[in-house]
Amino acid sequence: MPLKDEIHSRLQTAFAPTVLRVLDESERHRGHAGWHEGGETHFRVTIAAPALSGLSRLARHRAVHTALGKDLMSRIHALALNIEA
């Protein structure tokens, strides 16, 4: 399964978000650190979920990282998060 789909699936399962967009921005980083042929290195996630409201910015980011898991996080170079509370 492509990493984009795996990210989407894990976040959907963990948070049942009202908004969830996962963009693979790897091609925009061609030639930069962490990029490799085939992409799947740089992602941007926009998410809004009741489960994340009321949390500090740091706590929201930690919750997303936890939901994705260390195994998935170790396979990507960069993750930009837009967490709408």
PDB file of N, CA and C in Angstrom:
ATOM      1  N   MET A   1       0.853  -1.169   0.000  1.00  0.00           N
ATOM      2  CA  MET A   1       0.000   0.000   0.000  1.00  0.00           C
ATOM      3  C   MET A   1       0.900   1.234   0.000  1.00  0.00           C
ATOM      4  N   PRO A   2       0.586   2.223  -0.854  1.00  0.00           N
ATOM      5  CA  PRO A   2       1.376   3.463  -0.847  1.00  0.00           C
ATOM      6  C   PRO A   2       1.328   4.132   0.533  1.00  0.00           C
ATOM      7  N   LEU A   3       2.419   4.783   0.903  1.00  0.00           N
ATOM      8  CA  LEU A   3       2.483   5.451   2.210  1.00  0.00           C
ATOM      9  C   LEU A   3       1.376   6.474   2.379  1.00  0.00           C
ATOM     10  N   LYS A   4       1.021   7.193   1.319  1.00  0.00           N
ATOM     11  CA  LYS A   4      -0.064   8.172   1.388  1.00  0.00           C
ATOM     12  C   LYS A   4      -1.343   7.505   1.881  1.00  0.00           C
ATOM     13  N   ASP A   5      -1.655   6.349   1.337  1.00  0.00           N
ATOM     14  CA  ASP A   5      -2.859   5.619   1.732  1.00  0.00           C
ATOM     15  C   ASP A   5      -2.749   5.072   3.154  1.00  0.00           C
ATOM     16  N   GLU A   6      -1.562   4.631   3.518  1.00  0.00           N
ATOM     17  CA  GLU A   6      -1.345   4.121   4.873  1.00  0.00           C
ATOM     18  C   GLU A   6      -1.505   5.234   5.915  1.00  0.00           C
ATOM     19  N   ILE A   7      -0.971   6.417   5.623  1.00  0.00           N
ATOM     20  CA  ILE A   7      -1.133   7.573   6.514  1.00  0.00           C
ATOM     21  C   ILE A   7      -2.610   7.892   6.661  1.00  0.00           C
ATOM     22  N   HIS A   8      -3.309   7.958   5.540  1.00  0.00           N
ATOM     23  CA  HIS A   8      -4.743   8.271   5.557  1.00  0.00           C
ATOM     24  C   HIS A   8      -5.508   7.244   6.393  1.00  0.00           C
ATOM     25  N   SER A   9      -5.247   5.991   6.176  1.00  0.00           N
ATOM     26  CA  SER A   9      -5.942   4.918   6.882  1.00  0.00           C
ATOM     27  C   SER A   9      -5.727   4.977   8.389  1.00  0.00           C
ATOM     28  N   ARG A  10      -4.476   5.167   8.792  1.00  0.00           N
ATOM     29  CA  ARG A  10      -4.173   5.202  10.231  1.00  0.00           C
ATOM     30  C   ARG A  10      -4.818   6.398  10.922  1.00  0.00           C
ATOM     31  N   LEU A  11      -4.792   7.545  10.263  1.00  0.00           N
ATOM     32  CA  LEU A  11      -5.396   8.736  10.865  1.00  0.00           C
ATOM     33  C   LEU A  11      -6.916   8.641  10.878  1.00  0.00           C
ATOM     34  N   GLN A  12      -7.488   8.074   9.837  1.00  0.00           N
ATOM     35  CA  GLN A  12      -8.942   7.879   9.788  1.00  0.00           C
ATOM     36  C   GLN A  12      -9.385   6.961  10.933  1.00  0.00           C
ATOM     37  N   THR A  13      -8.665   5.897  11.130  1.00  0.00           N
ATOM     38  CA  THR A  13      -8.982   4.939  12.188  1.00  0.00           C
ATOM     39  C   THR A  13      -8.813   5.548  13.574  1.00  0.00           C
ATOM     40  N   ALA A  14      -7.757   6.289  13.768  1.00  0.00           N
ATOM     41  CA  ALA A  14      -7.447   6.840  15.094  1.00  0.00           C
ATOM     42  C   ALA A  14      -8.357   7.990  15.497  1.00  0.00           C
ATOM     43  N   PHE A  15      -8.758   8.839  14.540  1.00  0.00           N
ATOM     44  CA  PHE A  15      -9.427  10.084  14.906  1.00  0.00           C
ATOM     45  C   PHE A  15     -10.820  10.293  14.311  1.00  0.00           C
ATOM     46  N   ALA A  16     -11.236   9.486  13.336  1.00  0.00           N
ATOM     47  CA  ALA A  16     -12.507   9.712  12.634  1.00  0.00           C
ATOM     48  C   ALA A  16     -12.670  11.205  12.305  1.00  0.00           C
ATOM     49  N   PRO A  17     -11.725  11.761  11.567  1.00  0.00           N
ATOM     50  CA  PRO A  17     -11.709  13.210  11.325  1.00  0.00           C
ATOM     51  C   PRO A  17     -12.847  13.691  10.432  1.00  0.00           C
ATOM     52  N   THR A  18     -13.180  14.955  10.597  1.00  0.00           N
ATOM     53  CA  THR A  18     -14.168  15.596   9.727  1.00  0.00           C
ATOM     54  C   THR A  18     -13.492  16.117   8.457  1.00  0.00           C
ATOM     55  N   VAL A  19     -12.195  16.376   8.538  1.00  0.00           N
ATOM     56  CA  VAL A  19     -11.380  16.788   7.394  1.00  0.00           C
ATOM     57  C   VAL A  19     -10.092  15.979   7.448  1.00  0.00           C
ATOM     58  N   LEU A  20      -9.725  15.384   6.321  1.00  0.00           N
ATOM     59  CA  LEU A  20      -8.453  14.665   6.262  1.00  0.00           C
ATOM     60  C   LEU A  20      -7.939  14.694   4.829  1.00  0.00           C
ATOM     61  N   ARG A  21      -6.819  15.360   4.635  1.00  0.00           N
ATOM     62  CA  ARG A  21      -6.157  15.404   3.340  1.00  0.00           C
ATOM     63  C   ARG A  21      -4.697  15.014   3.541  1.00  0.00           C
ATOM     64  N   VAL A  22      -4.228  14.119   2.710  1.00  0.00           N
ATOM     65  CA  VAL A  22      -2.831  13.689   2.751  1.00  0.00           C
ATOM     66  C   VAL A  22      -2.255  13.912   1.359  1.00  0.00           C
ATOM     67  N   LEU A  23      -1.257  14.765   1.290  1.00  0.00           N
ATOM     68  CA  LEU A  23      -0.613  15.075   0.016  1.00  0.00           C
ATOM     69  C   LEU A  23       0.833  14.587   0.029  1.00  0.00           C
ATOM     70  N   ASP A  24       1.218  13.905  -1.027  1.00  0.00           N
ATOM     71  CA  ASP A  24       2.611  13.510  -1.201  1.00  0.00           C
ATOM     72  C   ASP A  24       3.296  14.653  -1.947  1.00  0.00           C
ATOM     73  N   GLU A  25       4.123  15.400  -1.245  1.00  0.00           N
ATOM     74  CA  GLU A  25       4.818  16.551  -1.828  1.00  0.00           C
ATOM     75  C   GLU A  25       6.267  16.223  -2.185  1.00  0.00           C
ATOM     76  N   SER A  26       6.564  14.961  -2.289  1.00  0.00           N
ATOM     77  CA  SER A  26       7.944  14.530  -2.510  1.00  0.00           C
ATOM     78  C   SER A  26       8.566  15.145  -3.751  1.00  0.00           C
ATOM     79  N   GLU A  27       7.813  15.211  -4.831  1.00  0.00           N
ATOM     80  CA  GLU A  27       8.366  15.720  -6.085  1.00  0.00           C
ATOM     81  C   GLU A  27       8.818  17.171  -5.961  1.00  0.00           C
ATOM     82  N   ARG A  28       8.176  17.936  -5.097  1.00  0.00           N
ATOM     83  CA  ARG A  28       8.581  19.330  -4.867  1.00  0.00           C
ATOM     84  C   ARG A  28       9.946  19.419  -4.196  1.00  0.00           C
ATOM     85  N   HIS A  29      10.430  18.312  -3.650  1.00  0.00           N
ATOM     86  CA  HIS A  29      11.688  18.293  -2.907  1.00  0.00           C
ATOM     87  C   HIS A  29      12.781  17.509  -3.636  1.00  0.00           C
ATOM     88  N   ARG A  30      12.552  17.271  -4.911  1.00  0.00           N
ATOM     89  CA  ARG A  30      13.537  16.527  -5.715  1.00  0.00           C
ATOM     90  C   ARG A  30      14.924  17.165  -5.548  1.00  0.00           C
ATOM     91  N   GLY A  31      15.901  16.351  -5.238  1.00  0.00           N
ATOM     92  CA  GLY A  31      17.265  16.825  -5.076  1.00  0.00           C
ATOM     93  C   GLY A  31      17.597  17.326  -3.679  1.00  0.00           C
ATOM     94  N   HIS A  32      16.599  17.483  -2.822  1.00  0.00           N
ATOM     95  CA  HIS A  32      16.839  17.941  -1.450  1.00  0.00           C
ATOM     96  C   HIS A  32      17.142  16.754  -0.546  1.00  0.00           C
ATOM     97  N   ALA A  33      17.597  17.048   0.636  1.00  0.00           N
ATOM     98  CA  ALA A  33      17.907  16.007   1.621  1.00  0.00           C
ATOM     99  C   ALA A  33      16.686  15.132   1.867  1.00  0.00           C
ATOM    100  N   GLY A  34      16.907  13.846   1.941  1.00  0.00           N
ATOM    101  CA  GLY A  34      15.851  12.911   2.273  1.00  0.00           C
ATOM    102  C   GLY A  34      15.051  12.428   1.084  1.00  0.00           C
ATOM    103  N   TRP A  35      15.145  13.105  -0.060  1.00  0.00           N
ATOM    104  CA  TRP A  35      14.392  12.700  -1.241  1.00  0.00           C
ATOM    105  C   TRP A  35      15.066  11.509  -1.884  1.00  0.00           C
ATOM    106  N   HIS A  36      14.268  10.597  -2.431  1.00  0.00           N
ATOM    107  CA  HIS A  36      14.831   9.515  -3.229  1.00  0.00           C
ATOM    108  C   HIS A  36      13.883   9.188  -4.372  1.00  0.00           C
ATOM    109  N   GLU A  37      14.410   8.548  -5.387  1.00  0.00           N
ATOM    110  CA  GLU A  37      13.628   8.190  -6.566  1.00  0.00           C
ATOM    111  C   GLU A  37      12.405   7.380  -6.155  1.00  0.00           C
ATOM    112  N   GLY A  38      11.279   7.721  -6.713  1.00  0.00           N
ATOM    113  CA  GLY A  38      10.042   7.028  -6.375  1.00  0.00           C
ATOM    114  C   GLY A  38       9.182   7.801  -5.386  1.00  0.00           C
ATOM    115  N   GLY A  39       9.747   8.845  -4.795  1.00  0.00           N
ATOM    116  CA  GLY A  39       8.978   9.702  -3.890  1.00  0.00           C
ATOM    117  C   GLY A  39       8.650   9.050  -2.567  1.00  0.00           C
ATOM    118  N   GLU A  40       7.475   9.388  -2.039  1.00  0.00           N
ATOM    119  CA  GLU A  40       7.016   8.919  -0.739  1.00  0.00           C
ATOM    120  C   GLU A  40       7.992   9.283   0.389  1.00  0.00           C
ATOM    121  N   THR A  41       8.487  10.523   0.330  1.00  0.00           N
ATOM    122  CA  THR A  41       9.433  10.981   1.347  1.00  0.00           C
ATOM    123  C   THR A  41       8.932  12.203   2.111  1.00  0.00           C
ATOM    124  N   HIS A  42       8.133  13.039   1.466  1.00  0.00           N
ATOM    125  CA  HIS A  42       7.671  14.301   2.045  1.00  0.00           C
ATOM    126  C   HIS A  42       6.144  14.378   1.938  1.00  0.00           C
ATOM    127  N   PHE A  43       5.483  14.536   3.083  1.00  0.00           N
ATOM    128  CA  PHE A  43       4.022  14.553   3.100  1.00  0.00           C
ATOM    129  C   PHE A  43       3.498  15.771   3.848  1.00  0.00           C
ATOM    130  N   ARG A  44       2.304  16.218   3.440  1.00  0.00           N
ATOM    131  CA  ARG A  44       1.586  17.285   4.125  1.00  0.00           C
ATOM    132  C   ARG A  44       0.206  16.738   4.475  1.00  0.00           C
ATOM    133  N   VAL A  45      -0.148  16.835   5.762  1.00  0.00           N
ATOM    134  CA  VAL A  45      -1.435  16.344   6.254  1.00  0.00           C
ATOM    135  C   VAL A  45      -2.237  17.516   6.809  1.00  0.00           C
ATOM    136  N   THR A  46      -3.481  17.610   6.381  1.00  0.00           N
ATOM    137  CA  THR A  46      -4.443  18.538   6.974  1.00  0.00           C
ATOM    138  C   THR A  46      -5.508  17.678   7.632  1.00  0.00           C
ATOM    139  N   ILE A  47      -5.748  17.925   8.910  1.00  0.00           N
ATOM    140  CA  ILE A  47      -6.707  17.116   9.648  1.00  0.00           C
ATOM    141  C   ILE A  47      -7.483  17.986  10.633  1.00  0.00           C
ATOM    142  N   ALA A  48      -8.757  17.693  10.761  1.00  0.00           N
ATOM    143  CA  ALA A  48      -9.613  18.300  11.790  1.00  0.00           C
ATOM    144  C   ALA A  48     -10.415  17.162  12.398  1.00  0.00           C
ATOM    145  N   ALA A  49     -10.371  17.060  13.713  1.00  0.00           N
ATOM    146  CA  ALA A  49     -11.074  15.978  14.388  1.00  0.00           C
ATOM    147  C   ALA A  49     -11.458  16.416  15.796  1.00  0.00           C
ATOM    148  N   PRO A  50     -12.667  16.092  16.220  1.00  0.00           N
ATOM    149  CA  PRO A  50     -13.075  16.426  17.591  1.00  0.00           C
ATOM    150  C   PRO A  50     -12.104  15.896  18.641  1.00  0.00           C
ATOM    151  N   ALA A  51     -11.516  14.747  18.389  1.00  0.00           N
ATOM    152  CA  ALA A  51     -10.585  14.147  19.353  1.00  0.00           C
ATOM    153  C   ALA A  51      -9.346  15.004  19.581  1.00  0.00           C
ATOM    154  N   LEU A  52      -9.050  15.891  18.638  1.00  0.00           N
ATOM    155  CA  LEU A  52      -7.856  16.732  18.760  1.00  0.00           C
ATOM    156  C   LEU A  52      -8.161  18.124  19.310  1.00  0.00           C
ATOM    157  N   SER A  53      -9.434  18.465  19.403  1.00  0.00           N
ATOM    158  CA  SER A  53      -9.771  19.793  19.909  1.00  0.00           C
ATOM    159  C   SER A  53      -9.500  19.864  21.411  1.00  0.00           C
ATOM    160  N   GLY A  54      -9.132  21.029  21.858  1.00  0.00           N
ATOM    161  CA  GLY A  54      -8.828  21.214  23.271  1.00  0.00           C
ATOM    162  C   GLY A  54      -7.408  20.839  23.658  1.00  0.00           C
ATOM    163  N   LEU A  55      -6.677  20.237  22.735  1.00  0.00           N
ATOM    164  CA  LEU A  55      -5.282  19.880  23.006  1.00  0.00           C
ATOM    165  C   LEU A  55      -4.366  21.023  22.591  1.00  0.00           C
ATOM    166  N   SER A  56      -3.233  21.130  23.251  1.00  0.00           N
ATOM    167  CA  SER A  56      -2.235  22.114  22.834  1.00  0.00           C
ATOM    168  C   SER A  56      -1.682  21.707  21.467  1.00  0.00           C
ATOM    169  N   ARG A  57      -1.024  22.635  20.814  1.00  0.00           N
ATOM    170  CA  ARG A  57      -0.424  22.348  19.508  1.00  0.00           C
ATOM    171  C   ARG A  57       0.532  21.166  19.611  1.00  0.00           C
ATOM    172  N   LEU A  58       1.363  21.166  20.622  1.00  0.00           N
ATOM    173  CA  LEU A  58       2.320  20.079  20.811  1.00  0.00           C
ATOM    174  C   LEU A  58       1.605  18.751  21.049  1.00  0.00           C
ATOM    175  N   ALA A  59       0.569  18.747  21.864  1.00  0.00           N
ATOM    176  CA  ALA A  59      -0.174  17.514  22.146  1.00  0.00           C
ATOM    177  C   ALA A  59      -0.865  16.985  20.890  1.00  0.00           C
ATOM    178  N   ARG A  60      -1.377  17.880  20.044  1.00  0.00           N
ATOM    179  CA  ARG A  60      -2.005  17.451  18.785  1.00  0.00           C
ATOM    180  C   ARG A  60      -0.974  16.791  17.878  1.00  0.00           C
ATOM    181  N   HIS A  61       0.190  17.389  17.765  1.00  0.00           N
ATOM    182  CA  HIS A  61       1.248  16.813  16.927  1.00  0.00           C
ATOM    183  C   HIS A  61       1.691  15.465  17.470  1.00  0.00           C
ATOM    184  N   ARG A  62       1.852  15.379  18.771  1.00  0.00           N
ATOM    185  CA  ARG A  62       2.235  14.097  19.373  1.00  0.00           C
ATOM    186  C   ARG A  62       1.183  13.024  19.129  1.00  0.00           C
ATOM    187  N   ALA A  63      -0.089  13.398  19.211  1.00  0.00           N
ATOM    188  CA  ALA A  63      -1.178  12.437  18.983  1.00  0.00           C
ATOM    189  C   ALA A  63      -1.141  11.910  17.548  1.00  0.00           C
ATOM    190  N   VAL A  64      -0.887  12.788  16.592  1.00  0.00           N
ATOM    191  CA  VAL A  64      -0.804  12.357  15.196  1.00  0.00           C
ATOM    192  C   VAL A  64       0.390  11.433  15.006  1.00  0.00           C
ATOM    193  N   HIS A  65       1.535  11.799  15.546  1.00  0.00           N
ATOM    194  CA  HIS A  65       2.727  10.955  15.429  1.00  0.00           C
ATOM    195  C   HIS A  65       2.495   9.593  16.061  1.00  0.00           C
ATOM    196  N   THR A  66       1.841   9.562  17.208  1.00  0.00           N
ATOM    197  CA  THR A  66       1.542   8.296  17.876  1.00  0.00           C
ATOM    198  C   THR A  66       0.609   7.446  17.022  1.00  0.00           C
ATOM    199  N   ALA A  67      -0.412   8.066  16.442  1.00  0.00           N
ATOM    200  CA  ALA A  67      -1.362   7.335  15.600  1.00  0.00           C
ATOM    201  C   ALA A  67      -0.670   6.748  14.366  1.00  0.00           C
ATOM    202  N   LEU A  68       0.291   7.474  13.824  1.00  0.00           N
ATOM    203  CA  LEU A  68       1.006   6.968  12.653  1.00  0.00           C
ATOM    204  C   LEU A  68       1.968   5.849  13.022  1.00  0.00           C
ATOM    205  N   GLY A  69       2.537   5.921  14.202  1.00  0.00           N
ATOM    206  CA  GLY A  69       3.426   4.863  14.674  1.00  0.00           C
ATOM    207  C   GLY A  69       4.864   5.060  14.257  1.00  0.00           C
ATOM    208  N   LYS A  70       5.757   4.567  15.082  1.00  0.00           N
ATOM    209  CA  LYS A  70       7.192   4.700  14.812  1.00  0.00           C
ATOM    210  C   LYS A  70       7.602   4.017  13.509  1.00  0.00           C
ATOM    211  N   ASP A  71       6.956   2.894  13.196  1.00  0.00           N
ATOM    212  CA  ASP A  71       7.323   2.170  11.978  1.00  0.00           C
ATOM    213  C   ASP A  71       7.060   3.014  10.731  1.00  0.00           C
ATOM    214  N   LEU A  72       5.930   3.683  10.664  1.00  0.00           N
ATOM    215  CA  LEU A  72       5.616   4.520   9.513  1.00  0.00           C
ATOM    216  C   LEU A  72       6.459   5.791   9.530  1.00  0.00           C
ATOM    217  N   MET A  73       6.580   6.418  10.684  1.00  0.00           N
ATOM    218  CA  MET A  73       7.350   7.659  10.782  1.00  0.00           C
ATOM    219  C   MET A  73       8.804   7.444  10.362  1.00  0.00           C
ATOM    220  N   SER A  74       9.336   6.264  10.590  1.00  0.00           N
ATOM    221  CA  SER A  74      10.734   5.995  10.228  1.00  0.00           C
ATOM    222  C   SER A  74      10.914   5.829   8.713  1.00  0.00           C
ATOM    223  N   ARG A  75       9.816   5.684   7.963  1.00  0.00           N
ATOM    224  CA  ARG A  75       9.902   5.493   6.516  1.00  0.00           C
ATOM    225  C   ARG A  75       9.743   6.788   5.724  1.00  0.00           C
ATOM    226  N   ILE A  76       9.465   7.897   6.402  1.00  0.00           N
ATOM    227  CA  ILE A  76       9.332   9.167   5.691  1.00  0.00           C
ATOM    228  C   ILE A  76      10.366  10.160   6.198  1.00  0.00           C
ATOM    229  N   HIS A  77      10.679  11.126   5.350  1.00  0.00           N
ATOM    230  CA  HIS A  77      11.686  12.116   5.722  1.00  0.00           C
ATOM    231  C   HIS A  77      11.062  13.339   6.387  1.00  0.00           C
ATOM    232  N   ALA A  78       9.901  13.791   5.864  1.00  0.00           N
ATOM    233  CA  ALA A  78       9.299  15.020   6.375  1.00  0.00           C
ATOM    234  C   ALA A  78       7.777  14.899   6.411  1.00  0.00           C
ATOM    235  N   LEU A  79       7.211  15.432   7.486  1.00  0.00           N
ATOM    236  CA  LEU A  79       5.758  15.440   7.646  1.00  0.00           C
ATOM    237  C   LEU A  79       5.342  16.830   8.125  1.00  0.00           C
ATOM    238  N   ALA A  80       4.617  17.536   7.268  1.00  0.00           N
ATOM    239  CA  ALA A  80       4.076  18.855   7.631  1.00  0.00           C
ATOM    240  C   ALA A  80       2.641  18.641   8.085  1.00  0.00           C
ATOM    241  N   LEU A  81       2.303  19.186   9.246  1.00  0.00           N
ATOM    242  CA  LEU A  81       0.970  19.002   9.802  1.00  0.00           C
ATOM    243  C   LEU A  81       0.223  20.320   9.891  1.00  0.00           C
ATOM    244  N   ASN A  82      -0.995  20.308   9.380  1.00  0.00           N
ATOM    245  CA  ASN A  82      -1.968  21.386   9.552  1.00  0.00           C
ATOM    246  C   ASN A  82      -3.093  20.772  10.363  1.00  0.00           C
ATOM    247  N   ILE A  83      -3.137  21.053  11.636  1.00  0.00           N
ATOM    248  CA  ILE A  83      -4.154  20.456  12.490  1.00  0.00           C
ATOM    249  C   ILE A  83      -5.138  21.547  12.874  1.00  0.00           C
ATOM    250  N   GLU A  84      -6.339  21.425  12.347  1.00  0.00           N
ATOM    251  CA  GLU A  84      -7.387  22.402  12.597  1.00  0.00           C
ATOM    252  C   GLU A  84      -8.155  21.992  13.846  1.00  0.00           C
ATOM    253  N   ALA A  85      -8.156  22.837  14.831  1.00  0.00           N
ATOM    254  CA  ALA A  85      -8.835  22.518  16.085  1.00  0.00           C
ATOM    255  C   ALA A  85     -10.254  23.025  16.081  1.00  0.00           C
TER     256      ALA A  85
END
